[in-house]
Amino acid sequence: MKRIVMPTDWIAHICHEANRAIQLITEDPSPSPHWDEAPHWQRVSAIAGVEEAQRGATPEQLHEAWCEHKRAEGWTYGPDKDPDAKTHPCLVPYDQLPVEQRVKDAVFHAIVGALR
């Protein structure tokens, strides 16, 4: 089978939309907008995640890198995702994430692995 190779931003777009689909199915109270409507910071975050996965990061390491990136930009833990207040309920250690959040990391990782 021929390997599919795509540009990083295309892979990030696919990962973002897969993540959004999981958010909708699990009735996330604050689902991400479609890629074309996503704020710049959200697209940059997805691209950074793809680059981490391409370097061999595991789903847990992807989450840790995401947390580091968020904290560096001033985000903190909060019970609700609020871009204006820069709070996010997933700014916790990987083992404290709800299963549906860990599934999103695993799906993101699998997509990158299939398309890199």
PDB file of N, CA and C in Angstrom:
ATOM      1  N   MET A   1       0.840  -1.180   0.000  1.00  0.00           N
ATOM      2  CA  MET A   1       0.000   0.000   0.000  1.00  0.00           C
ATOM      3  C   MET A   1       0.886   1.245   0.000  1.00  0.00           C
ATOM      4  N   LYS A   2       0.583   2.170  -0.880  1.00  0.00           N
ATOM      5  CA  LYS A   2       1.355   3.405  -0.983  1.00  0.00           C
ATOM      6  C   LYS A   2       1.010   4.324   0.190  1.00  0.00           C
ATOM      7  N   ARG A   3       2.042   4.868   0.815  1.00  0.00           N
ATOM      8  CA  ARG A   3       1.860   5.772   1.948  1.00  0.00           C
ATOM      9  C   ARG A   3       1.385   7.140   1.445  1.00  0.00           C
ATOM     10  N   ILE A   4       0.410   7.710   2.123  1.00  0.00           N
ATOM     11  CA  ILE A   4      -0.089   9.039   1.799  1.00  0.00           C
ATOM     12  C   ILE A   4       0.749  10.053   2.571  1.00  0.00           C
ATOM     13  N   VAL A   5       1.286  11.032   1.865  1.00  0.00           N
ATOM     14  CA  VAL A   5       2.067  12.087   2.509  1.00  0.00           C
ATOM     15  C   VAL A   5       1.358  13.409   2.233  1.00  0.00           C
ATOM     16  N   MET A   6       1.058  14.125   3.293  1.00  0.00           N
ATOM     17  CA  MET A   6       0.362  15.405   3.163  1.00  0.00           C
ATOM     18  C   MET A   6       1.129  16.495   3.883  1.00  0.00           C
ATOM     19  N   PRO A   7       0.916  17.748   3.482  1.00  0.00           N
ATOM     20  CA  PRO A   7       1.520  18.859   4.210  1.00  0.00           C
ATOM     21  C   PRO A   7       0.985  18.912   5.649  1.00  0.00           C
ATOM     22  N   THR A   8       1.800  19.416   6.535  1.00  0.00           N
ATOM     23  CA  THR A   8       1.452  19.478   7.955  1.00  0.00           C
ATOM     24  C   THR A   8       0.135  20.205   8.196  1.00  0.00           C
ATOM     25  N   ASP A   9      -0.099  21.311   7.513  1.00  0.00           N
ATOM     26  CA  ASP A   9      -1.334  22.056   7.762  1.00  0.00           C
ATOM     27  C   ASP A   9      -2.567  21.286   7.294  1.00  0.00           C
ATOM     28  N   TRP A  10      -2.444  20.466   6.278  1.00  0.00           N
ATOM     29  CA  TRP A  10      -3.569  19.622   5.863  1.00  0.00           C
ATOM     30  C   TRP A  10      -3.865  18.574   6.931  1.00  0.00           C
ATOM     31  N   ILE A  11      -2.809  17.968   7.459  1.00  0.00           N
ATOM     32  CA  ILE A  11      -2.991  16.962   8.514  1.00  0.00           C
ATOM     33  C   ILE A  11      -3.635  17.614   9.731  1.00  0.00           C
ATOM     34  N   ALA A  12      -3.180  18.813  10.083  1.00  0.00           N
ATOM     35  CA  ALA A  12      -3.762  19.530  11.223  1.00  0.00           C
ATOM     36  C   ALA A  12      -5.248  19.800  10.988  1.00  0.00           C
ATOM     37  N   HIS A  13      -5.605  20.159   9.776  1.00  0.00           N
ATOM     38  CA  HIS A  13      -7.004  20.403   9.415  1.00  0.00           C
ATOM     39  C   HIS A  13      -7.826  19.132   9.641  1.00  0.00           C
ATOM     40  N   ILE A  14      -7.338  18.008   9.159  1.00  0.00           N
ATOM     41  CA  ILE A  14      -8.041  16.732   9.323  1.00  0.00           C
ATOM     42  C   ILE A  14      -8.159  16.374  10.803  1.00  0.00           C
ATOM     43  N   CYS A  15      -7.068  16.523  11.550  1.00  0.00           N
ATOM     44  CA  CYS A  15      -7.093  16.232  12.992  1.00  0.00           C
ATOM     45  C   CYS A  15      -8.098  17.125  13.711  1.00  0.00           C
ATOM     46  N   HIS A  16      -8.115  18.393  13.355  1.00  0.00           N
ATOM     47  CA  HIS A  16      -9.041  19.349  13.976  1.00  0.00           C
ATOM     48  C   HIS A  16     -10.488  18.922  13.738  1.00  0.00           C
ATOM     49  N   GLU A  17     -10.805  18.568  12.499  1.00  0.00           N
ATOM     50  CA  GLU A  17     -12.182  18.177  12.179  1.00  0.00           C
ATOM     51  C   GLU A  17     -12.567  16.853  12.842  1.00  0.00           C
ATOM     52  N   ALA A  18     -11.613  15.923  12.966  1.00  0.00           N
ATOM     53  CA  ALA A  18     -11.890  14.667  13.682  1.00  0.00           C
ATOM     54  C   ALA A  18     -12.149  14.964  15.157  1.00  0.00           C
ATOM     55  N   ASN A  19     -11.336  15.844  15.727  1.00  0.00           N
ATOM     56  CA  ASN A  19     -11.517  16.251  17.112  1.00  0.00           C
ATOM     57  C   ASN A  19     -12.894  16.899  17.293  1.00  0.00           C
ATOM     58  N   ARG A  20     -13.254  17.749  16.351  1.00  0.00           N
ATOM     59  CA  ARG A  20     -14.551  18.424  16.407  1.00  0.00           C
ATOM     60  C   ARG A  20     -15.694  17.411  16.327  1.00  0.00           C
ATOM     61  N   ALA A  21     -15.552  16.403  15.482  1.00  0.00           N
ATOM     62  CA  ALA A  21     -16.585  15.366  15.372  1.00  0.00           C
ATOM     63  C   ALA A  21     -16.758  14.636  16.700  1.00  0.00           C
ATOM     64  N   ILE A  22     -15.652  14.318  17.361  1.00  0.00           N
ATOM     65  CA  ILE A  22     -15.737  13.658  18.669  1.00  0.00           C
ATOM     66  C   ILE A  22     -16.415  14.586  19.671  1.00  0.00           C
ATOM     67  N   GLN A  23     -16.075  15.873  19.629  1.00  0.00           N
ATOM     68  CA  GLN A  23     -16.716  16.836  20.531  1.00  0.00           C
ATOM     69  C   GLN A  23     -18.231  16.857  20.323  1.00  0.00           C
ATOM     70  N   LEU A  24     -18.667  16.857  19.078  1.00  0.00           N
ATOM     71  CA  LEU A  24     -20.099  16.898  18.787  1.00  0.00           C
ATOM     72  C   LEU A  24     -20.801  15.619  19.228  1.00  0.00           C
ATOM     73  N   ILE A  25     -20.182  14.476  18.954  1.00  0.00           N
ATOM     74  CA  ILE A  25     -20.790  13.195  19.321  1.00  0.00           C
ATOM     75  C   ILE A  25     -20.886  13.029  20.832  1.00  0.00           C
ATOM     76  N   THR A  26     -19.871  13.523  21.554  1.00  0.00           N
ATOM     77  CA  THR A  26     -19.868  13.400  23.023  1.00  0.00           C
ATOM     78  C   THR A  26     -20.570  14.579  23.698  1.00  0.00           C
ATOM     79  N   GLU A  27     -21.210  15.418  22.894  1.00  0.00           N
ATOM     80  CA  GLU A  27     -21.976  16.568  23.384  1.00  0.00           C
ATOM     81  C   GLU A  27     -21.136  17.518  24.235  1.00  0.00           C
ATOM     82  N   ASP A  28     -19.921  17.776  23.762  1.00  0.00           N
ATOM     83  CA  ASP A  28     -19.052  18.759  24.408  1.00  0.00           C
ATOM     84  C   ASP A  28     -19.801  20.094  24.445  1.00  0.00           C
ATOM     85  N   PRO A  29     -19.836  20.753  25.601  1.00  0.00           N
ATOM     86  CA  PRO A  29     -20.582  22.018  25.681  1.00  0.00           C
ATOM     87  C   PRO A  29     -19.943  23.173  24.899  1.00  0.00           C
ATOM     88  N   SER A  30     -18.696  23.007  24.491  1.00  0.00           N
ATOM     89  CA  SER A  30     -18.003  24.077  23.771  1.00  0.00           C
ATOM     90  C   SER A  30     -17.184  23.499  22.615  1.00  0.00           C
ATOM     91  N   PRO A  31     -17.874  22.942  21.600  1.00  0.00           N
ATOM     92  CA  PRO A  31     -17.123  22.328  20.494  1.00  0.00           C
ATOM     93  C   PRO A  31     -16.355  23.362  19.681  1.00  0.00           C
ATOM     94  N   SER A  32     -15.275  22.917  19.108  1.00  0.00           N
ATOM     95  CA  SER A  32     -14.469  23.779  18.250  1.00  0.00           C
ATOM     96  C   SER A  32     -15.246  24.121  16.984  1.00  0.00           C
ATOM     97  N   PRO A  33     -15.006  25.300  16.435  1.00  0.00           N
ATOM     98  CA  PRO A  33     -15.626  25.627  15.144  1.00  0.00           C
ATOM     99  C   PRO A  33     -14.928  24.857  14.026  1.00  0.00           C
ATOM    100  N   HIS A  34     -15.539  24.856  12.848  1.00  0.00           N
ATOM    101  CA  HIS A  34     -14.873  24.271  11.686  1.00  0.00           C
ATOM    102  C   HIS A  34     -13.512  24.933  11.504  1.00  0.00           C
ATOM    103  N   TRP A  35     -12.579  24.206  10.908  1.00  0.00           N
ATOM    104  CA  TRP A  35     -11.208  24.681  10.692  1.00  0.00           C
ATOM    105  C   TRP A  35     -11.176  26.085  10.074  1.00  0.00           C
ATOM    106  N   ASP A  36     -11.964  26.306   9.038  1.00  0.00           N
ATOM    107  CA  ASP A  36     -11.941  27.595   8.348  1.00  0.00           C
ATOM    108  C   ASP A  36     -12.457  28.740   9.217  1.00  0.00           C
ATOM    109  N   GLU A  37     -13.190  28.419  10.269  1.00  0.00           N
ATOM    110  CA  GLU A  37     -13.726  29.430  11.182  1.00  0.00           C
ATOM    111  C   GLU A  37     -12.964  29.462  12.508  1.00  0.00           C
ATOM    112  N   ALA A  38     -12.015  28.548  12.675  1.00  0.00           N
ATOM    113  CA  ALA A  38     -11.269  28.456  13.936  1.00  0.00           C
ATOM    114  C   ALA A  38     -10.344  29.659  14.096  1.00  0.00           C
ATOM    115  N   PRO A  39     -10.208  30.146  15.338  1.00  0.00           N
ATOM    116  CA  PRO A  39      -9.270  31.250  15.550  1.00  0.00           C
ATOM    117  C   PRO A  39      -7.839  30.814  15.250  1.00  0.00           C
ATOM    118  N   HIS A  40      -7.021  31.789  14.932  1.00  0.00           N
ATOM    119  CA  HIS A  40      -5.625  31.523  14.564  1.00  0.00           C
ATOM    120  C   HIS A  40      -4.915  30.683  15.618  1.00  0.00           C
ATOM    121  N   TRP A  41      -5.105  30.995  16.911  1.00  0.00           N
ATOM    122  CA  TRP A  41      -4.408  30.270  17.973  1.00  0.00           C
ATOM    123  C   TRP A  41      -4.770  28.786  17.956  1.00  0.00           C
ATOM    124  N   GLN A  42      -6.016  28.472  17.589  1.00  0.00           N
ATOM    125  CA  GLN A  42      -6.450  27.077  17.580  1.00  0.00           C
ATOM    126  C   GLN A  42      -5.802  26.319  16.422  1.00  0.00           C
ATOM    127  N   ARG A  43      -5.667  26.958  15.280  1.00  0.00           N
ATOM    128  CA  ARG A  43      -5.002  26.322  14.146  1.00  0.00           C
ATOM    129  C   ARG A  43      -3.512  26.140  14.415  1.00  0.00           C
ATOM    130  N   VAL A  44      -2.887  27.146  15.020  1.00  0.00           N
ATOM    131  CA  VAL A  44      -1.466  27.043  15.382  1.00  0.00           C
ATOM    132  C   VAL A  44      -1.261  25.888  16.358  1.00  0.00           C
ATOM    133  N   SER A  45      -2.172  25.736  17.311  1.00  0.00           N
ATOM    134  CA  SER A  45      -2.083  24.651  18.290  1.00  0.00           C
ATOM    135  C   SER A  45      -2.177  23.284  17.608  1.00  0.00           C
ATOM    136  N   ALA A  46      -3.089  23.151  16.645  1.00  0.00           N
ATOM    137  CA  ALA A  46      -3.233  21.875  15.926  1.00  0.00           C
ATOM    138  C   ALA A  46      -1.982  21.563  15.108  1.00  0.00           C
ATOM    139  N   ILE A  47      -1.431  22.565  14.452  1.00  0.00           N
ATOM    140  CA  ILE A  47      -0.209  22.358  13.664  1.00  0.00           C
ATOM    141  C   ILE A  47       0.940  21.950  14.576  1.00  0.00           C
ATOM    142  N   ALA A  48       1.053  22.596  15.735  1.00  0.00           N
ATOM    143  CA  ALA A  48       2.104  22.234  16.696  1.00  0.00           C
ATOM    144  C   ALA A  48       1.930  20.792  17.165  1.00  0.00           C
ATOM    145  N   GLY A  49       0.685  20.369  17.378  1.00  0.00           N
ATOM    146  CA  GLY A  49       0.422  18.991  17.779  1.00  0.00           C
ATOM    147  C   GLY A  49       0.836  17.996  16.711  1.00  0.00           C
ATOM    148  N   VAL A  50       0.559  18.325  15.459  1.00  0.00           N
ATOM    149  CA  VAL A  50       0.972  17.457  14.351  1.00  0.00           C
ATOM    150  C   VAL A  50       2.493  17.343  14.324  1.00  0.00           C
ATOM    151  N   GLU A  51       3.169  18.463  14.471  1.00  0.00           N
ATOM    152  CA  GLU A  51       4.637  18.440  14.446  1.00  0.00           C
ATOM    153  C   GLU A  51       5.199  17.597  15.591  1.00  0.00           C
ATOM    154  N   GLU A  52       4.588  17.681  16.772  1.00  0.00           N
ATOM    155  CA  GLU A  52       5.015  16.845  17.909  1.00  0.00           C
ATOM    156  C   GLU A  52       4.810  15.365  17.582  1.00  0.00           C
ATOM    157  N   ALA A  53       3.646  15.032  17.040  1.00  0.00           N
ATOM    158  CA  ALA A  53       3.357  13.634  16.700  1.00  0.00           C
ATOM    159  C   ALA A  53       4.306  13.126  15.617  1.00  0.00           C
ATOM    160  N   GLN A  54       4.649  13.976  14.669  1.00  0.00           N
ATOM    161  CA  GLN A  54       5.583  13.575  13.615  1.00  0.00           C
ATOM    162  C   GLN A  54       6.973  13.292  14.178  1.00  0.00           C
ATOM    163  N   ARG A  55       7.297  13.906  15.307  1.00  0.00           N
ATOM    164  CA  ARG A  55       8.587  13.647  15.958  1.00  0.00           C
ATOM    165  C   ARG A  55       8.524  12.413  16.859  1.00  0.00           C
ATOM    166  N   GLY A  56       7.360  11.763  16.914  1.00  0.00           N
ATOM    167  CA  GLY A  56       7.253  10.519  17.659  1.00  0.00           C
ATOM    168  C   GLY A  56       6.566  10.599  19.003  1.00  0.00           C
ATOM    169  N   ALA A  57       5.945  11.731  19.319  1.00  0.00           N
ATOM    170  CA  ALA A  57       5.261  11.865  20.605  1.00  0.00           C
ATOM    171  C   ALA A  57       4.094  10.889  20.708  1.00  0.00           C
ATOM    172  N   THR A  58       3.913  10.332  21.889  1.00  0.00           N
ATOM    173  CA  THR A  58       2.771   9.466  22.188  1.00  0.00           C
ATOM    174  C   THR A  58       1.548  10.348  22.458  1.00  0.00           C
ATOM    175  N   PRO A  59       0.340   9.763  22.519  1.00  0.00           N
ATOM    176  CA  PRO A  59      -0.824  10.574  22.880  1.00  0.00           C
ATOM    177  C   PRO A  59      -0.637  11.310  24.219  1.00  0.00           C
ATOM    178  N   GLU A  60      -0.051  10.643  25.202  1.00  0.00           N
ATOM    179  CA  GLU A  60       0.190  11.299  26.492  1.00  0.00           C
ATOM    180  C   GLU A  60       1.168  12.465  26.334  1.00  0.00           C
ATOM    181  N   GLN A  61       2.212  12.265  25.566  1.00  0.00           N
ATOM    182  CA  GLN A  61       3.183  13.339  25.333  1.00  0.00           C
ATOM    183  C   GLN A  61       2.572  14.483  24.523  1.00  0.00           C
ATOM    184  N   LEU A  62       1.670  14.156  23.613  1.00  0.00           N
ATOM    185  CA  LEU A  62       0.966  15.204  22.871  1.00  0.00           C
ATOM    186  C   LEU A  62       0.168  16.078  23.828  1.00  0.00           C
ATOM    187  N   HIS A  63      -0.507  15.432  24.780  1.00  0.00           N
ATOM    188  CA  HIS A  63      -1.288  16.196  25.758  1.00  0.00           C
ATOM    189  C   HIS A  63      -0.376  17.072  26.608  1.00  0.00           C
ATOM    190  N   GLU A  64       0.734  16.505  27.063  1.00  0.00           N
ATOM    191  CA  GLU A  64       1.675  17.278  27.882  1.00  0.00           C
ATOM    192  C   GLU A  64       2.215  18.477  27.106  1.00  0.00           C
ATOM    193  N   ALA A  65       2.553  18.284  25.834  1.00  0.00           N
ATOM    194  CA  ALA A  65       3.057  19.386  25.001  1.00  0.00           C
ATOM    195  C   ALA A  65       1.976  20.444  24.803  1.00  0.00           C
ATOM    196  N   TRP A  66       0.743  19.996  24.601  1.00  0.00           N
ATOM    197  CA  TRP A  66      -0.381  20.925  24.452  1.00  0.00           C
ATOM    198  C   TRP A  66      -0.539  21.760  25.720  1.00  0.00           C
ATOM    199  N   CYS A  67      -0.469  21.099  26.886  1.00  0.00           N
ATOM    200  CA  CYS A  67      -0.580  21.819  28.162  1.00  0.00           C
ATOM    201  C   CYS A  67       0.535  22.856  28.299  1.00  0.00           C
ATOM    202  N   GLU A  68       1.757  22.467  27.973  1.00  0.00           N
ATOM    203  CA  GLU A  68       2.892  23.395  28.065  1.00  0.00           C
ATOM    204  C   GLU A  68       2.674  24.603  27.151  1.00  0.00           C
ATOM    205  N   HIS A  69       2.212  24.340  25.934  1.00  0.00           N
ATOM    206  CA  HIS A  69       1.944  25.417  24.974  1.00  0.00           C
ATOM    207  C   HIS A  69       0.865  26.355  25.520  1.00  0.00           C
ATOM    208  N   LYS A  70      -0.210  25.788  26.042  1.00  0.00           N
ATOM    209  CA  LYS A  70      -1.303  26.601  26.582  1.00  0.00           C
ATOM    210  C   LYS A  70      -0.820  27.449  27.755  1.00  0.00           C
ATOM    211  N   ARG A  71      -0.111  26.821  28.692  1.00  0.00           N
ATOM    212  CA  ARG A  71       0.371  27.560  29.866  1.00  0.00           C
ATOM    213  C   ARG A  71       1.323  28.683  29.458  1.00  0.00           C
ATOM    214  N   ALA A  72       2.162  28.428  28.464  1.00  0.00           N
ATOM    215  CA  ALA A  72       3.095  29.457  27.983  1.00  0.00           C
ATOM    216  C   ALA A  72       2.346  30.658  27.403  1.00  0.00           C
ATOM    217  N   GLU A  73       1.131  30.420  26.928  1.00  0.00           N
ATOM    218  CA  GLU A  73       0.320  31.508  26.381  1.00  0.00           C
ATOM    219  C   GLU A  73      -0.633  32.104  27.412  1.00  0.00           C
ATOM    220  N   GLY A  74      -0.468  31.707  28.687  1.00  0.00           N
ATOM    221  CA  GLY A  74      -1.253  32.309  29.758  1.00  0.00           C
ATOM    222  C   GLY A  74      -2.532  31.593  30.138  1.00  0.00           C
ATOM    223  N   TRP A  75      -2.778  30.415  29.563  1.00  0.00           N
ATOM    224  CA  TRP A  75      -3.978  29.661  29.907  1.00  0.00           C
ATOM    225  C   TRP A  75      -3.781  28.965  31.250  1.00  0.00           C
ATOM    226  N   THR A  76      -4.889  28.778  31.971  1.00  0.00           N
ATOM    227  CA  THR A  76      -4.878  28.058  33.240  1.00  0.00           C
ATOM    228  C   THR A  76      -6.054  27.086  33.263  1.00  0.00           C
ATOM    229  N   TYR A  77      -6.025  26.198  34.258  1.00  0.00           N
ATOM    230  CA  TYR A  77      -7.148  25.277  34.428  1.00  0.00           C
ATOM    231  C   TYR A  77      -8.386  26.076  34.823  1.00  0.00           C
ATOM    232  N   GLY A  78      -9.512  25.669  34.279  1.00  0.00           N
ATOM    233  CA  GLY A  78     -10.811  26.208  34.669  1.00  0.00           C
ATOM    234  C   GLY A  78     -11.860  25.178  34.325  1.00  0.00           C
ATOM    235  N   PRO A  79     -12.964  25.142  35.045  1.00  0.00           N
ATOM    236  CA  PRO A  79     -13.983  24.116  34.794  1.00  0.00           C
ATOM    237  C   PRO A  79     -14.637  24.224  33.418  1.00  0.00           C
ATOM    238  N   ASP A  80     -14.535  25.410  32.798  1.00  0.00           N
ATOM    239  CA  ASP A  80     -15.117  25.625  31.477  1.00  0.00           C
ATOM    240  C   ASP A  80     -14.059  26.150  30.513  1.00  0.00           C
ATOM    241  N   LYS A  81     -14.194  25.766  29.247  1.00  0.00           N
ATOM    242  CA  LYS A  81     -13.312  26.303  28.203  1.00  0.00           C
ATOM    243  C   LYS A  81     -13.780  27.720  27.882  1.00  0.00           C
ATOM    244  N   ASP A  82     -12.894  28.687  28.117  1.00  0.00           N
ATOM    245  CA  ASP A  82     -13.231  30.088  27.896  1.00  0.00           C
ATOM    246  C   ASP A  82     -12.025  30.795  27.277  1.00  0.00           C
ATOM    247  N   PRO A  83     -12.038  30.969  25.946  1.00  0.00           N
ATOM    248  CA  PRO A  83     -10.892  31.612  25.291  1.00  0.00           C
ATOM    249  C   PRO A  83     -10.614  33.032  25.789  1.00  0.00           C
ATOM    250  N   ASP A  84     -11.653  33.758  26.179  1.00  0.00           N
ATOM    251  CA  ASP A  84     -11.441  35.123  26.667  1.00  0.00           C
ATOM    252  C   ASP A  84     -10.729  35.125  28.015  1.00  0.00           C
ATOM    253  N   ALA A  85     -11.141  34.223  28.907  1.00  0.00           N
ATOM    254  CA  ALA A  85     -10.506  34.115  30.228  1.00  0.00           C
ATOM    255  C   ALA A  85      -9.259  33.234  30.187  1.00  0.00           C
ATOM    256  N   LYS A  86      -9.044  32.567  29.054  1.00  0.00           N
ATOM    257  CA  LYS A  86      -7.932  31.630  28.877  1.00  0.00           C
ATOM    258  C   LYS A  86      -7.955  30.529  29.945  1.00  0.00           C
ATOM    259  N   THR A  87      -9.130  29.911  30.103  1.00  0.00           N
ATOM    260  CA  THR A  87      -9.256  28.756  30.991  1.00  0.00           C
ATOM    261  C   THR A  87      -9.689  27.547  30.172  1.00  0.00           C
ATOM    262  N   HIS A  88      -9.247  26.369  30.620  1.00  0.00           N
ATOM    263  CA  HIS A  88      -9.569  25.132  29.900  1.00  0.00           C
ATOM    264  C   HIS A  88      -9.617  23.974  30.891  1.00  0.00           C
ATOM    265  N   PRO A  89     -10.671  23.145  30.832  1.00  0.00           N
ATOM    266  CA  PRO A  89     -10.790  22.023  31.767  1.00  0.00           C
ATOM    267  C   PRO A  89      -9.811  20.876  31.503  1.00  0.00           C
ATOM    268  N   CYS A  90      -9.147  20.879  30.358  1.00  0.00           N
ATOM    269  CA  CYS A  90      -8.205  19.795  30.039  1.00  0.00           C
ATOM    270  C   CYS A  90      -6.770  20.107  30.450  1.00  0.00           C
ATOM    271  N   LEU A  91      -6.551  21.218  31.126  1.00  0.00           N
ATOM    272  CA  LEU A  91      -5.201  21.546  31.605  1.00  0.00           C
ATOM    273  C   LEU A  91      -4.932  20.809  32.913  1.00  0.00           C
ATOM    274  N   VAL A  92      -4.931  19.500  32.805  1.00  0.00           N
ATOM    275  CA  VAL A  92      -4.681  18.589  33.929  1.00  0.00           C
ATOM    276  C   VAL A  92      -3.740  17.494  33.428  1.00  0.00           C
ATOM    277  N   PRO A  93      -3.106  16.748  34.343  1.00  0.00           N
ATOM    278  CA  PRO A  93      -2.286  15.616  33.895  1.00  0.00           C
ATOM    279  C   PRO A  93      -3.117  14.632  33.059  1.00  0.00           C
ATOM    280  N   TYR A  94      -2.451  13.978  32.128  1.00  0.00           N
ATOM    281  CA  TYR A  94      -3.109  13.059  31.196  1.00  0.00           C
ATOM    282  C   TYR A  94      -3.975  12.026  31.909  1.00  0.00           C
ATOM    283  N   ASP A  95      -3.458  11.463  33.001  1.00  0.00           N
ATOM    284  CA  ASP A  95      -4.218  10.407  33.688  1.00  0.00           C
ATOM    285  C   ASP A  95      -5.464  10.937  34.396  1.00  0.00           C
ATOM    286  N   GLN A  96      -5.627  12.250  34.457  1.00  0.00           N
ATOM    287  CA  GLN A  96      -6.825  12.840  35.057  1.00  0.00           C
ATOM    288  C   GLN A  96      -7.852  13.279  34.013  1.00  0.00           C
ATOM    289  N   LEU A  97      -7.502  13.113  32.743  1.00  0.00           N
ATOM    290  CA  LEU A  97      -8.438  13.468  31.672  1.00  0.00           C
ATOM    291  C   LEU A  97      -9.581  12.467  31.610  1.00  0.00           C
ATOM    292  N   PRO A  98     -10.787  12.923  31.293  1.00  0.00           N
ATOM    293  CA  PRO A  98     -11.880  11.983  31.029  1.00  0.00           C
ATOM    294  C   PRO A  98     -11.528  11.127  29.809  1.00  0.00           C
ATOM    295  N   VAL A  99     -12.090   9.949  29.736  1.00  0.00           N
ATOM    296  CA  VAL A  99     -11.750   9.009  28.665  1.00  0.00           C
ATOM    297  C   VAL A  99     -11.981   9.610  27.278  1.00  0.00           C
ATOM    298  N   GLU A 100     -13.052  10.389  27.095  1.00  0.00           N
ATOM    299  CA  GLU A 100     -13.308  10.954  25.758  1.00  0.00           C
ATOM    300  C   GLU A 100     -12.215  11.942  25.350  1.00  0.00           C
ATOM    301  N   GLN A 101     -11.579  12.582  26.310  1.00  0.00           N
ATOM    302  CA  GLN A 101     -10.465  13.475  25.988  1.00  0.00           C
ATOM    303  C   GLN A 101      -9.224  12.672  25.591  1.00  0.00           C
ATOM    304  N   ARG A 102      -8.991  11.559  26.285  1.00  0.00           N
ATOM    305  CA  ARG A 102      -7.855  10.702  25.924  1.00  0.00           C
ATOM    306  C   ARG A 102      -8.074  10.070  24.552  1.00  0.00           C
ATOM    307  N   VAL A 103      -9.320   9.764  24.231  1.00  0.00           N
ATOM    308  CA  VAL A 103      -9.639   9.216  22.911  1.00  0.00           C
ATOM    309  C   VAL A 103      -9.284  10.234  21.830  1.00  0.00           C
ATOM    310  N   LYS A 104      -9.576  11.503  22.062  1.00  0.00           N
ATOM    311  CA  LYS A 104      -9.237  12.539  21.072  1.00  0.00           C
ATOM    312  C   LYS A 104      -7.729  12.575  20.820  1.00  0.00           C
ATOM    313  N   ASP A 105      -6.929  12.447  21.890  1.00  0.00           N
ATOM    314  CA  ASP A 105      -5.471  12.419  21.709  1.00  0.00           C
ATOM    315  C   ASP A 105      -5.041  11.197  20.904  1.00  0.00           C
ATOM    316  N   ALA A 106      -5.668  10.050  21.179  1.00  0.00           N
ATOM    317  CA  ALA A 106      -5.318   8.821  20.459  1.00  0.00           C
ATOM    318  C   ALA A 106      -5.700   8.921  18.982  1.00  0.00           C
ATOM    319  N   VAL A 107      -6.856   9.494  18.692  1.00  0.00           N
ATOM    320  CA  VAL A 107      -7.296   9.657  17.302  1.00  0.00           C
ATOM    321  C   VAL A 107      -6.376  10.638  16.574  1.00  0.00           C
ATOM    322  N   PHE A 108      -6.039  11.737  17.221  1.00  0.00           N
ATOM    323  CA  PHE A 108      -5.113  12.722  16.646  1.00  0.00           C
ATOM    324  C   PHE A 108      -3.803  12.031  16.279  1.00  0.00           C
ATOM    325  N   HIS A 109      -3.265  11.256  17.211  1.00  0.00           N
ATOM    326  CA  HIS A 109      -2.003  10.528  17.017  1.00  0.00           C
ATOM    327  C   HIS A 109      -2.113   9.551  15.842  1.00  0.00           C
ATOM    328  N   ALA A 110      -3.221   8.828  15.775  1.00  0.00           N
ATOM    329  CA  ALA A 110      -3.416   7.839  14.708  1.00  0.00           C
ATOM    330  C   ALA A 110      -3.524   8.504  13.333  1.00  0.00           C
ATOM    331  N   ILE A 111      -4.216   9.630  13.266  1.00  0.00           N
ATOM    332  CA  ILE A 111      -4.344  10.342  11.990  1.00  0.00           C
ATOM    333  C   ILE A 111      -2.975  10.806  11.505  1.00  0.00           C
ATOM    334  N   VAL A 112      -2.200  11.391  12.409  1.00  0.00           N
ATOM    335  CA  VAL A 112      -0.862  11.853  12.019  1.00  0.00           C
ATOM    336  C   VAL A 112      -0.027  10.671  11.537  1.00  0.00           C
ATOM    337  N   GLY A 113      -0.099   9.548  12.255  1.00  0.00           N
ATOM    338  CA  GLY A 113       0.664   8.368  11.862  1.00  0.00           C
ATOM    339  C   GLY A 113       0.276   7.850  10.492  1.00  0.00           C
ATOM    340  N   ALA A 114      -0.997   7.950  10.157  1.00  0.00           N
ATOM    341  CA  ALA A 114      -1.468   7.460   8.864  1.00  0.00           C
ATOM    342  C   ALA A 114      -1.103   8.389   7.706  1.00  0.00           C
ATOM    343  N   LEU A 115      -0.944   9.683   7.992  1.00  0.00           N
ATOM    344  CA  LEU A 115      -0.775  10.656   6.912  1.00  0.00           C
ATOM    345  C   LEU A 115       0.600  11.293   6.813  1.00  0.00           C
ATOM    346  N   ARG A 116       1.500  10.965   7.696  1.00  0.00           N
ATOM    347  CA  ARG A 116       2.815  11.644   7.643  1.00  0.00           C
ATOM    348  C   ARG A 116       3.742  11.038   6.632  1.00  0.00           C
TER     349      ARG A 116
END
